[in-house]
Amino acid sequence: MTEEEHLVIMDETAIRRALTRIAHEIVEKNKGIDNCVIVGIRTRGIYLARRIAERIGEIEGKPVLVSELDITQYRDDRKTVIGADVEVAAAIGDTDGVPFNVQDKRIILFDDVLYTGRTIRAAMDALMDCGRPQSIQLAVLVDRGHRELPIRPDFVGKNVPTSKQEQIEVALSEIDHMDQVTIINQRGQAG
């Protein structure tokens, strides 16, 4: 049995501050929010995207479109059944589930944790199947390193260098009833 050590590295206040800072950075980098769409990767990325959109709305005095992206069909770690008909159309839509066109939009893609980069690659593939955005910028709450692909975030809440034996767990009040980021250290096998 594996013994685990849990350490809270971001509490509710730290998460709120990081998201506020990211919101300001997004507005500054894009010189406003015209033609911008914030796309959250399901599951926790969409909740973070909605929070960012709310803060940007407060800063700019106007709303920014938020969309949810389901990348399930684009994952390269998903087992496929030979001969199965798999639909590869991206499930992307605004908060009401209505699809929108990404053509010529500035997309700010949001996820909770950046690790190997494979989730982001799948998300970019899904977005490109929906049209050709003007640009795709990446925002993450936590960047833990260990990239397997050449993917780098534009906006980061917290850089947390980790070992491969450690895990980052993000809890958000919308689904987990609290806001915190925890690092879990696998301390070995107990006999």
Protein backbone atom coordinates (compact mmCIF):
# COMPACT_ATOMS: atom_id res chain seq x y z
CA MET A 1 0.00 0.00 0.00
CA THR A 2 1.29 3.45 -0.89
CA GLU A 3 1.55 6.09 1.79
CA GLU A 4 0.69 9.59 0.64
CA GLU A 5 1.67 12.98 1.99
CA HIS A 6 -0.67 15.90 1.15
CA LEU A 7 0.50 19.51 1.18
CA VAL A 8 -1.78 22.44 0.35
CA ILE A 9 0.17 24.77 -1.96
CA MET A 10 -2.67 27.17 -2.86
CA ASP A 11 -5.68 28.02 -0.72
CA GLU A 12 -8.83 29.88 -1.75
CA THR A 13 -7.16 33.28 -1.38
CA ALA A 14 -4.10 32.27 -3.41
CA ILE A 15 -6.29 30.87 -6.20
CA ARG A 16 -8.40 34.05 -6.27
CA ARG A 17 -5.29 36.25 -6.45
CA ALA A 18 -3.73 34.12 -9.20
CA LEU A 19 -6.90 34.27 -11.31
CA THR A 20 -7.18 38.04 -10.82
CA ARG A 21 -3.57 38.48 -11.94
CA ILE A 22 -4.11 36.22 -14.98
CA ALA A 23 -7.25 38.21 -15.91
CA HIS A 24 -5.25 41.46 -15.90
CA GLU A 25 -2.45 39.83 -17.92
CA ILE A 26 -4.93 38.59 -20.54
CA VAL A 27 -6.46 42.05 -20.91
CA GLU A 28 -3.02 43.67 -21.15
CA LYS A 29 -1.60 41.18 -23.67
CA ASN A 30 -4.68 41.40 -25.91
CA LYS A 31 -5.12 45.18 -25.47
CA GLY A 32 -8.68 44.55 -24.29
CA ILE A 33 -10.96 41.62 -25.01
CA ASP A 34 -12.33 42.38 -28.46
CA ASN A 35 -12.51 39.22 -30.57
CA CYS A 36 -11.42 37.07 -27.58
CA VAL A 37 -13.07 33.85 -26.46
CA ILE A 38 -12.09 32.03 -23.27
CA VAL A 39 -12.31 28.27 -23.74
CA GLY A 40 -12.17 26.01 -20.68
CA ILE A 41 -11.14 22.39 -21.02
CA ARG A 42 -13.65 20.11 -19.34
CA THR A 43 -13.82 19.51 -16.36
CA ARG A 44 -12.06 21.97 -14.10
CA GLY A 45 -10.80 24.23 -16.88
CA ILE A 46 -14.32 25.45 -17.66
CA TYR A 47 -14.90 26.59 -14.07
CA LEU A 48 -11.61 28.48 -14.08
CA ALA A 49 -12.49 29.98 -17.49
CA ARG A 50 -15.82 31.23 -16.12
CA ARG A 51 -14.08 32.82 -13.12
CA ILE A 52 -11.54 34.52 -15.40
CA ALA A 53 -14.33 35.77 -17.67
CA GLU A 54 -16.13 37.24 -14.66
CA ARG A 55 -12.99 39.10 -13.55
CA ILE A 56 -12.29 40.34 -17.08
CA GLY A 57 -15.90 41.55 -17.27
CA GLU A 58 -15.32 43.55 -14.07
CA ILE A 59 -12.06 45.00 -15.44
CA GLU A 60 -13.32 45.84 -18.93
CA GLY A 61 -16.94 46.60 -18.10
CA LYS A 62 -18.23 44.20 -20.77
CA PRO A 63 -18.63 40.44 -21.00
CA VAL A 64 -16.27 38.05 -22.75
CA LEU A 65 -17.58 34.89 -24.40
CA VAL A 66 -16.83 31.66 -22.51
CA SER A 67 -16.95 28.23 -24.08
CA GLU A 68 -16.41 24.67 -22.90
CA LEU A 69 -14.26 22.17 -24.77
CA ASP A 70 -14.59 18.40 -24.45
CA ILE A 71 -11.41 16.78 -25.79
CA THR A 72 -12.32 13.17 -25.02
CA GLN A 73 -12.25 12.08 -28.67
CA TYR A 74 -8.89 13.78 -29.24
CA ARG A 75 -6.89 12.16 -26.44
CA ASP A 76 -4.00 9.99 -27.60
CA ASP A 77 -4.15 7.86 -24.46
CA ARG A 78 -7.70 6.68 -25.16
CA LYS A 79 -8.11 3.09 -26.27
CA THR A 80 -10.05 2.68 -29.49
CA VAL A 81 -12.05 -0.34 -30.59
CA ILE A 82 -11.05 -1.59 -34.02
CA GLY A 83 -13.89 -1.09 -36.45
CA ALA A 84 -15.78 1.24 -34.12
CA ASP A 85 -17.28 4.38 -35.61
CA VAL A 86 -15.79 7.18 -33.54
CA GLU A 87 -17.06 10.70 -34.00
CA VAL A 88 -14.18 13.17 -33.91
CA ALA A 89 -16.09 16.43 -34.09
CA ALA A 90 -15.09 18.68 -31.23
CA ALA A 91 -17.69 19.26 -28.58
CA ILE A 92 -17.31 22.99 -28.25
CA GLY A 93 -19.98 25.46 -27.37
CA ASP A 94 -20.78 28.50 -25.30
CA THR A 95 -22.04 28.12 -21.75
CA ASP A 96 -25.48 27.21 -23.11
CA GLY A 97 -23.99 24.42 -25.23
CA VAL A 98 -24.47 26.35 -28.47
CA PRO A 99 -21.58 25.76 -30.90
CA PHE A 100 -19.67 28.83 -32.08
CA ASN A 101 -17.18 29.51 -34.82
CA VAL A 102 -13.55 29.87 -33.73
CA GLN A 103 -12.57 31.33 -37.11
CA ASP A 104 -10.33 34.40 -36.67
CA LYS A 105 -10.97 34.56 -32.89
CA ARG A 106 -8.27 35.01 -30.28
CA ILE A 107 -8.73 31.90 -28.14
CA ILE A 108 -7.56 31.84 -24.54
CA LEU A 109 -7.48 28.15 -23.67
CA PHE A 110 -7.73 27.44 -19.93
CA ASP A 111 -6.88 24.29 -17.98
CA ASP A 112 -6.20 23.57 -14.34
CA VAL A 113 -2.80 21.80 -14.49
CA LEU A 114 -0.20 21.68 -17.25
CA TYR A 115 1.93 18.55 -17.10
CA THR A 116 3.07 16.65 -20.21
CA GLY A 117 1.25 18.91 -22.68
CA ARG A 118 -0.80 16.10 -24.21
CA THR A 119 -4.15 17.48 -23.00
CA ILE A 120 -3.33 20.86 -24.54
CA ARG A 121 -2.27 19.24 -27.82
CA ALA A 122 -5.61 17.42 -27.93
CA ALA A 123 -7.44 20.69 -27.19
CA MET A 124 -5.62 22.50 -29.98
CA ASP A 125 -6.48 19.69 -32.40
CA ALA A 126 -10.13 19.98 -31.38
CA LEU A 127 -10.10 23.76 -31.82
CA MET A 128 -8.46 23.54 -35.26
CA ASP A 129 -11.18 21.13 -36.38
CA CYS A 130 -13.69 23.90 -35.60
CA GLY A 131 -11.96 26.54 -37.73
CA ARG A 132 -8.77 28.56 -37.86
CA PRO A 133 -8.39 30.88 -34.86
CA GLN A 134 -6.35 34.06 -35.17
CA SER A 135 -4.32 32.81 -32.19
CA ILE A 136 -4.44 30.37 -29.29
CA GLN A 137 -3.05 31.48 -25.94
CA LEU A 138 -2.72 29.09 -23.01
CA ALA A 139 -3.62 29.87 -19.41
CA VAL A 140 -3.18 27.39 -16.56
CA LEU A 141 -3.66 27.58 -12.83
CA VAL A 142 -0.62 25.35 -12.15
CA ASP A 143 2.38 24.48 -14.33
CA ARG A 144 4.13 21.46 -12.84
CA GLY A 145 6.74 20.83 -15.54
CA HIS A 146 7.70 17.49 -17.15
CA ARG A 147 6.64 18.47 -20.67
CA GLU A 148 6.68 15.77 -23.35
CA LEU A 149 5.62 18.20 -26.07
CA PRO A 150 6.89 21.72 -26.89
CA ILE A 151 3.99 23.52 -25.22
CA ARG A 152 4.43 26.59 -23.04
CA PRO A 153 1.72 28.54 -21.20
CA ASP A 154 1.23 32.26 -21.79
CA PHE A 155 -0.41 32.80 -18.39
CA VAL A 156 0.42 30.82 -15.22
CA GLY A 157 -1.11 31.05 -11.77
CA LYS A 158 1.73 29.17 -10.05
CA ASN A 159 4.80 27.26 -11.21
CA VAL A 160 5.26 24.16 -9.06
CA PRO A 161 8.32 22.04 -9.91
CA THR A 162 7.41 18.44 -9.12
CA SER A 163 8.87 14.98 -9.33
CA LYS A 164 7.11 12.36 -11.42
CA GLN A 165 6.10 10.60 -8.18
CA GLU A 166 4.11 13.64 -7.11
CA GLN A 167 0.63 14.61 -8.24
CA ILE A 168 -1.14 17.95 -8.27
CA GLU A 169 -4.79 17.90 -7.27
CA VAL A 170 -7.00 20.94 -7.93
CA ALA A 171 -10.23 21.24 -5.94
CA LEU A 172 -12.77 23.87 -7.01
CA SER A 173 -15.86 24.90 -5.08
CA GLU A 174 -18.15 24.36 -8.08
CA ILE A 175 -17.61 20.59 -7.92
CA ASP A 176 -15.42 19.86 -4.90
CA HIS A 177 -17.04 22.29 -2.40
CA MET A 178 -13.71 24.02 -1.69
CA ASP A 179 -10.89 25.82 -3.46
CA GLN A 180 -7.38 24.52 -3.00
CA VAL A 181 -4.43 23.04 -4.82
CA THR A 182 -2.66 20.14 -3.16
CA ILE A 183 0.58 18.37 -3.97
CA ILE A 184 0.44 14.67 -3.21
CA ASN A 185 3.73 12.92 -2.62
CA GLN A 186 3.80 9.13 -3.05
CA ARG A 187 6.22 8.06 -0.32
CA GLY A 188 6.75 4.45 -1.31
CA GLN A 189 5.36 1.03 -0.64
CA ALA A 190 4.39 -0.07 2.84
CA GLY A 191 4.88 -3.75 3.48
